[in-house]
Protein backbone atom coordinates (compact mmCIF):
# COMPACT_ATOMS: atom_id res chain seq x y z
CA MET A 1 11.64 16.73 -4.25
CA ARG A 2 14.09 15.19 -1.79
CA THR A 3 17.09 12.94 -2.37
CA PHE A 4 17.86 9.78 -0.40
CA VAL A 5 20.82 7.43 -0.73
CA HIS A 6 20.78 3.72 0.06
CA GLY A 7 23.82 1.72 -0.98
CA ALA A 8 24.54 2.58 -4.60
CA ALA A 9 20.99 3.76 -5.27
CA VAL A 10 20.14 7.47 -5.26
CA TRP A 11 16.41 8.15 -4.91
CA GLU A 12 14.62 11.36 -5.80
CA VAL A 13 11.29 11.37 -3.98
CA SER A 14 8.42 13.84 -4.28
CA ARG A 15 5.26 14.04 -2.18
CA PRO A 16 2.08 16.08 -2.76
CA ARG A 17 1.79 19.12 -0.53
CA TRP A 18 -1.95 18.67 -0.10
CA PRO A 19 -4.11 15.63 0.65
CA SER A 20 -6.03 13.96 -2.15
CA ARG A 21 -9.62 15.02 -2.68
CA VAL A 22 -10.52 11.33 -2.24
CA PRO A 23 -10.28 10.03 1.35
CA GLY A 24 -8.06 6.95 1.44
CA VAL A 25 -5.57 8.02 -1.27
CA ALA A 26 -1.86 8.71 -0.77
CA MET A 27 0.70 9.37 -3.51
CA ALA A 28 4.41 9.81 -4.06
CA GLY A 29 6.68 10.17 -7.07
CA PHE A 30 10.01 8.36 -7.48
CA ARG A 31 13.01 8.66 -9.75
CA VAL A 32 15.95 6.26 -9.36
CA GLY A 33 18.73 5.41 -11.78
CA ALA A 34 19.49 1.92 -10.50
CA LEU A 35 16.90 0.02 -8.50
CA ASP A 36 18.45 -3.20 -7.30
CA ALA A 37 16.25 -5.85 -5.63
CA LEU A 38 13.98 -3.87 -3.32
CA ARG A 39 11.72 -6.05 -1.19
CA MET A 40 7.97 -5.38 -1.42
CA VAL A 41 6.60 -5.38 2.11
CA PRO A 42 2.90 -6.33 2.49
CA HIS A 43 0.56 -3.46 3.20
CA PRO A 44 -3.16 -3.23 4.10
CA ALA A 45 -3.95 -1.28 0.94
CA VAL A 46 -4.00 -1.64 -2.84
CA THR A 47 -0.86 -0.25 -4.47
CA LEU A 48 -0.71 1.23 -7.98
CA LEU A 49 2.67 1.78 -9.60
CA VAL A 50 2.39 3.87 -12.79
CA ASP A 51 5.64 4.14 -14.73
CA PHE A 52 6.19 6.82 -17.38
CA GLY A 53 9.98 7.28 -17.60
CA PRO A 54 12.62 6.02 -20.01
CA GLY A 55 13.16 2.82 -18.02
CA SER A 56 10.71 0.38 -16.58
CA PRO A 57 10.34 -1.25 -13.16
CA VAL A 58 10.32 -5.04 -13.02
CA LEU A 59 8.61 -7.03 -10.28
CA ASP A 60 9.77 -10.61 -9.72
CA ASP A 61 7.84 -13.10 -7.60
CA ALA A 62 8.83 -16.36 -5.98
CA THR A 63 7.56 -18.43 -8.93
CA GLY A 64 9.86 -16.65 -11.38
CA ARG A 65 7.06 -14.66 -13.00
CA GLN A 66 7.72 -11.04 -13.92
CA GLN A 67 5.56 -7.98 -14.30
CA ARG A 68 6.99 -5.03 -16.18
CA GLY A 69 5.80 -1.46 -16.25
CA SER A 70 2.65 -0.23 -14.53
CA VAL A 71 1.15 -2.67 -12.03
CA VAL A 72 -1.49 -3.07 -9.34
CA ALA A 73 -0.78 -5.03 -6.14
CA GLY A 74 -3.59 -6.31 -3.95
CA PRO A 75 -3.70 -5.94 -0.16
CA GLY A 76 -0.98 -8.01 1.47
CA ALA A 77 0.93 -8.57 -1.78
CA GLY A 78 4.52 -9.68 -1.21
CA SER A 79 3.87 -11.85 1.86
CA GLY A 80 6.84 -13.99 2.79
CA GLY A 81 9.24 -11.71 0.88
CA ALA A 82 7.90 -13.13 -2.39
CA VAL A 83 7.95 -9.95 -4.52
CA TRP A 84 10.98 -7.83 -5.40
CA ALA A 85 11.24 -4.65 -7.48
CA ARG A 86 14.21 -3.75 -9.68
CA GLY A 87 15.01 -1.71 -12.78
CA GLU A 88 17.06 1.09 -14.31
CA ASN A 89 16.12 4.71 -14.99
CA VAL A 90 12.83 4.19 -13.21
CA GLU A 91 10.45 7.12 -13.02
CA CYS A 92 7.05 6.35 -11.61
CA LEU A 93 4.13 7.53 -9.52
CA GLN A 94 2.89 5.30 -6.72
CA VAL A 95 -0.63 5.43 -5.34
CA ARG A 96 -1.94 3.74 -2.22
CA LEU A 97 -5.69 3.04 -2.13
CA SER A 98 -7.47 2.14 1.07
CA PRO A 99 -9.53 -1.04 0.55
CA MET A 100 -12.55 1.16 1.34
CA ILE A 101 -12.24 2.90 -2.06
CA ALA A 102 -10.18 0.41 -4.09
CA ARG A 103 -13.17 -1.35 -5.70
CA ALA A 104 -14.61 1.93 -6.95
CA VAL A 105 -11.30 3.25 -8.29
CA LEU A 106 -10.04 0.01 -9.84
CA GLY A 107 -13.32 -1.08 -11.41
CA VAL A 108 -12.89 -4.55 -9.93
CA SER A 109 -12.94 -5.88 -6.38
CA PRO A 110 -9.58 -6.16 -4.61
CA ALA A 111 -10.63 -9.77 -4.02
CA ASP A 112 -10.10 -10.40 -7.73
CA LEU A 113 -6.43 -9.51 -7.28
CA ASP A 114 -6.13 -12.20 -4.59
CA GLY A 115 -3.08 -10.51 -3.07
CA ALA A 116 -1.18 -10.75 -6.36
CA VAL A 117 0.48 -8.24 -8.71
CA VAL A 118 -1.23 -7.66 -12.08
CA ALA A 119 -0.67 -5.32 -15.02
CA LEU A 120 -2.56 -2.02 -14.81
CA ASP A 121 -3.37 -2.36 -18.52
CA ASP A 122 -5.35 -5.52 -17.74
CA LEU A 123 -7.65 -3.49 -15.48
CA TRP A 124 -7.84 -0.10 -17.16
CA GLY A 125 -7.02 -0.84 -20.80
CA ARG A 126 -6.47 2.31 -22.86
CA GLU A 127 -6.99 4.54 -19.83
CA ALA A 128 -3.76 3.15 -18.37
CA SER A 129 -1.88 4.12 -21.53
CA ARG A 130 -3.41 7.60 -21.55
CA ILE A 131 -2.46 8.38 -17.95
CA ARG A 132 1.11 7.19 -18.58
CA GLU A 133 1.36 9.49 -21.60
CA ARG A 134 -0.03 12.46 -19.71
CA LEU A 135 2.30 11.87 -16.76
CA GLY A 136 5.27 11.75 -19.13
CA GLU A 137 4.20 14.99 -20.81
CA ALA A 138 3.63 16.84 -17.51
CA SER A 139 6.33 19.37 -16.63
CA SER A 140 6.33 18.91 -12.84
CA TRP A 141 5.42 16.50 -10.07
CA HIS A 142 2.76 18.95 -8.95
CA ASP A 143 1.03 18.57 -12.32
CA ARG A 144 1.41 14.78 -12.21
CA PHE A 145 -0.18 14.55 -8.79
CA ALA A 146 -3.04 16.80 -9.93
CA LEU A 147 -3.65 14.72 -13.07
CA THR A 148 -3.68 11.49 -11.12
CA ASP A 149 -5.89 12.89 -8.38
CA ALA A 150 -8.45 14.04 -10.94
CA LEU A 151 -8.51 10.57 -12.52
CA LEU A 152 -8.90 8.84 -9.16
CA ALA A 153 -11.69 11.21 -8.12
CA ARG A 154 -13.59 10.61 -11.35
CA ARG A 155 -13.32 6.85 -11.10
CA HIS A 156 -14.22 6.91 -7.40
CA GLU A 157 -17.38 8.93 -8.02
CA ALA A 158 -18.51 6.50 -10.72
CA GLY A 159 -17.78 3.35 -8.75
CA PRO A 160 -19.81 1.51 -6.10
CA PRO A 161 -19.25 2.22 -2.38
CA VAL A 162 -18.72 -0.56 0.12
CA ASP A 163 -21.59 -1.52 2.41
CA PRO A 164 -21.83 0.67 5.54
CA GLU A 165 -21.50 -2.45 7.70
CA VAL A 166 -18.28 -3.44 5.94
CA ALA A 167 -16.98 0.12 6.26
CA ARG A 168 -17.72 0.11 10.00
CA ALA A 169 -15.93 -3.21 10.52
CA TRP A 170 -12.88 -1.95 8.59
CA SER A 171 -12.85 1.30 10.56
CA ARG A 172 -12.88 -0.66 13.82
CA ILE A 173 -9.91 -2.74 12.67
CA ILE A 174 -7.95 0.37 11.68
CA ALA A 175 -8.84 2.32 14.82
CA SER A 176 -7.74 -0.60 17.02
CA ARG A 177 -4.51 -1.04 15.00
CA GLY A 178 -5.48 -4.61 14.31
CA LEU A 179 -6.48 -5.52 17.85
CA ALA A 180 -10.26 -5.57 17.34
CA ARG A 181 -11.86 -8.91 18.23
CA VAL A 182 -12.96 -10.37 14.93
CA ASP A 183 -15.70 -12.48 16.52
CA GLY A 184 -17.36 -9.34 17.84
CA LEU A 185 -17.43 -7.38 14.58
CA ALA A 186 -20.48 -9.12 13.13
CA ALA A 187 -22.55 -8.54 16.27
CA GLU A 188 -21.40 -4.92 16.36
CA VAL A 189 -22.62 -4.18 12.83
CA GLY A 190 -25.81 -6.26 13.20
CA TRP A 191 -25.00 -8.92 10.60
CA SER A 192 -24.47 -12.64 10.82
CA ARG A 193 -20.86 -13.75 10.93
CA LYS A 194 -21.22 -15.53 7.57
CA ARG A 195 -22.69 -12.47 5.86
CA LEU A 196 -20.05 -10.07 7.16
CA TRP A 197 -17.17 -12.41 6.33
CA SER A 198 -18.48 -12.89 2.78
CA ARG A 199 -19.13 -9.19 2.09
CA PHE A 200 -15.88 -8.08 3.75
CA ARG A 201 -13.81 -10.46 1.62
CA SER A 202 -15.61 -9.70 -1.64
CA GLN A 203 -15.55 -5.90 -1.22
CA LEU A 204 -12.19 -5.29 0.49
CA GLY A 205 -10.15 -8.24 -0.75
CA LEU A 206 -9.19 -9.51 2.71
CA ARG A 207 -10.66 -11.93 5.20
CA PRO A 208 -11.38 -10.11 8.50
CA LYS A 209 -8.88 -12.18 10.48
CA HIS A 210 -6.13 -11.64 7.92
CA ALA A 211 -6.99 -7.93 7.83
CA THR A 212 -6.44 -7.61 11.58
CA LYS A 213 -3.08 -9.41 11.37
CA LEU A 214 -1.94 -7.29 8.42
CA VAL A 215 -2.94 -4.00 10.08
CA ARG A 216 -1.26 -5.03 13.34
CA PHE A 217 1.91 -6.01 11.46
CA ASP A 218 1.90 -2.71 9.56
CA HIS A 219 1.67 -0.74 12.80
CA ALA A 220 4.48 -2.78 14.36
CA ALA A 221 6.69 -2.40 11.29
CA HIS A 222 6.29 1.37 11.39
CA ARG A 223 7.45 1.47 14.98
CA LEU A 224 10.43 -0.75 14.20
CA VAL A 225 11.45 1.56 11.34
CA ALA A 226 11.10 4.51 13.72
CA GLY A 227 13.77 2.90 15.90
CA GLU A 228 11.70 1.58 18.79
CA ALA A 229 12.92 -1.48 20.69
CA THR A 230 11.50 -4.82 19.57
CA ALA A 231 10.32 -5.75 23.08
CA ARG A 232 8.36 -2.51 23.46
CA VAL A 233 6.84 -2.82 19.99
CA ALA A 234 5.77 -6.39 20.70
CA ALA A 235 4.10 -5.43 23.98
CA ASP A 236 2.35 -2.30 22.72
CA ALA A 237 1.22 -3.84 19.42
CA GLY A 238 -0.57 -6.71 21.13
CA TYR A 239 1.85 -9.57 20.51
CA ALA A 240 2.25 -12.24 23.19
CA ASP A 241 6.01 -11.68 23.28
CA GLN A 242 9.03 -10.89 21.08
CA SER A 243 8.98 -14.35 19.57
CA HIS A 244 5.40 -13.83 18.45
CA LEU A 245 6.35 -10.54 16.77
CA HIS A 246 9.38 -12.21 15.19
CA ARG A 247 7.23 -14.99 13.71
CA ASP A 248 4.69 -12.51 12.35
CA VAL A 249 7.34 -10.32 10.73
CA MET A 250 9.01 -13.39 9.23
CA ALA A 251 5.67 -14.61 7.86
CA PHE A 252 4.93 -11.28 6.19
CA THR A 253 8.41 -10.33 4.98
CA GLY A 254 10.67 -13.38 5.07
CA VAL A 255 13.22 -11.51 7.19
CA THR A 256 13.76 -10.58 10.84
CA PRO A 257 12.42 -7.44 12.54
CA ALA A 258 15.94 -5.98 12.60
CA THR A 259 16.24 -6.36 8.82
CA VAL A 260 12.84 -4.81 8.21
CA ALA A 261 13.76 -1.83 10.39
CA ALA A 262 16.95 -1.17 8.40
CA GLU A 263 15.60 -1.38 4.84
CA PRO A 264 14.28 1.42 2.63
CA PHE A 265 10.86 0.96 1.07
CA LEU A 266 9.35 1.95 -2.25
CA ALA A 267 6.36 3.33 -0.41
CA VAL A 268 4.07 6.21 0.33
CA ASP A 269 5.20 6.58 3.88
CA ASP A 270 5.92 9.40 6.31
CA ILE A 271 8.82 7.51 7.90
CA ALA A 272 10.59 5.97 4.92
CA TRP A 273 9.99 9.00 2.69
CA PRO A 274 9.31 12.13 4.79
CA ALA A 275 6.76 14.56 3.39
CA PRO A 276 7.69 18.17 2.52
CA GLU A 277 7.89 20.58 5.42
CA HIS A 278 4.64 22.32 6.34
CA GLU A 279 2.55 19.63 4.62
CA PRO A 280 -0.89 19.18 6.26
CA PRO A 281 -1.36 16.04 8.37
CA ALA A 282 -1.98 12.75 6.59
CA ASN A 283 -5.56 11.81 5.79
CA PRO A 284 -6.98 10.10 8.92
CA HIS A 285 -8.98 7.65 6.78
CA PHE A 286 -5.81 6.14 5.36
CA PRO A 287 -3.49 3.78 7.27
CA THR A 288 0.09 4.75 6.49
CA GLY A 289 2.49 1.88 6.06
CA LEU A 290 5.47 0.31 4.40
CA GLY A 291 5.91 -0.81 0.87
């Protein structure tokens, strides 16, 4: 476990030393005494936040609605800076699920989340309560990661896979860092445009065009957090110019690129929360990103 300080908040962060047995899964554990208004940055994955400590995280959205405790956030949740996390004595485990496996693990399509934040109990019922209890009873983060990984593997094995054509289109978007030409994806996989768009949205929870924009933004945000100059990031990430990057970052986060680069993130992320030394490389099937 490592300790990070941001303002008055002191974070204790733990990362698994070994990759998940399920491709497309990344985890981290967090303990923070005072979590004060942390922005949720959109990410091209489904995010599970499972709380088990004495306190409870609270997520506020732009409409004034609140979600307390364990939650699930769909791909792209928090666009426009609409979702904020806060709480006291928060102890939780966060899981990132690639859209490729999210439907199988969740038991519902990510499309049903519609980019929103919902209670984990609404999806998993008593199983959500049982995993919280077992995480609270576990004596170490190693045991918590192992318990969670076993649960995810079991649910993944029992759930339906995505169509190979959808998987290929998603892989192309990830490999190109969001620069793949959407109009060419259908021809590449041998489907009609209408069929691919419908299956992609229903199985992964994102429209193909939005998926490319979100993946491109995620890549750019990582480079900004790493300290790279905005002009270079804009050019290398496929934006027309700095203004284009600025507009995209504002649309996704509600703040400027400079603000995004300076903030911490409640995330499974090799930049915001470095992994333990000597940890094996991240799973290549999973796009790392911000919170």
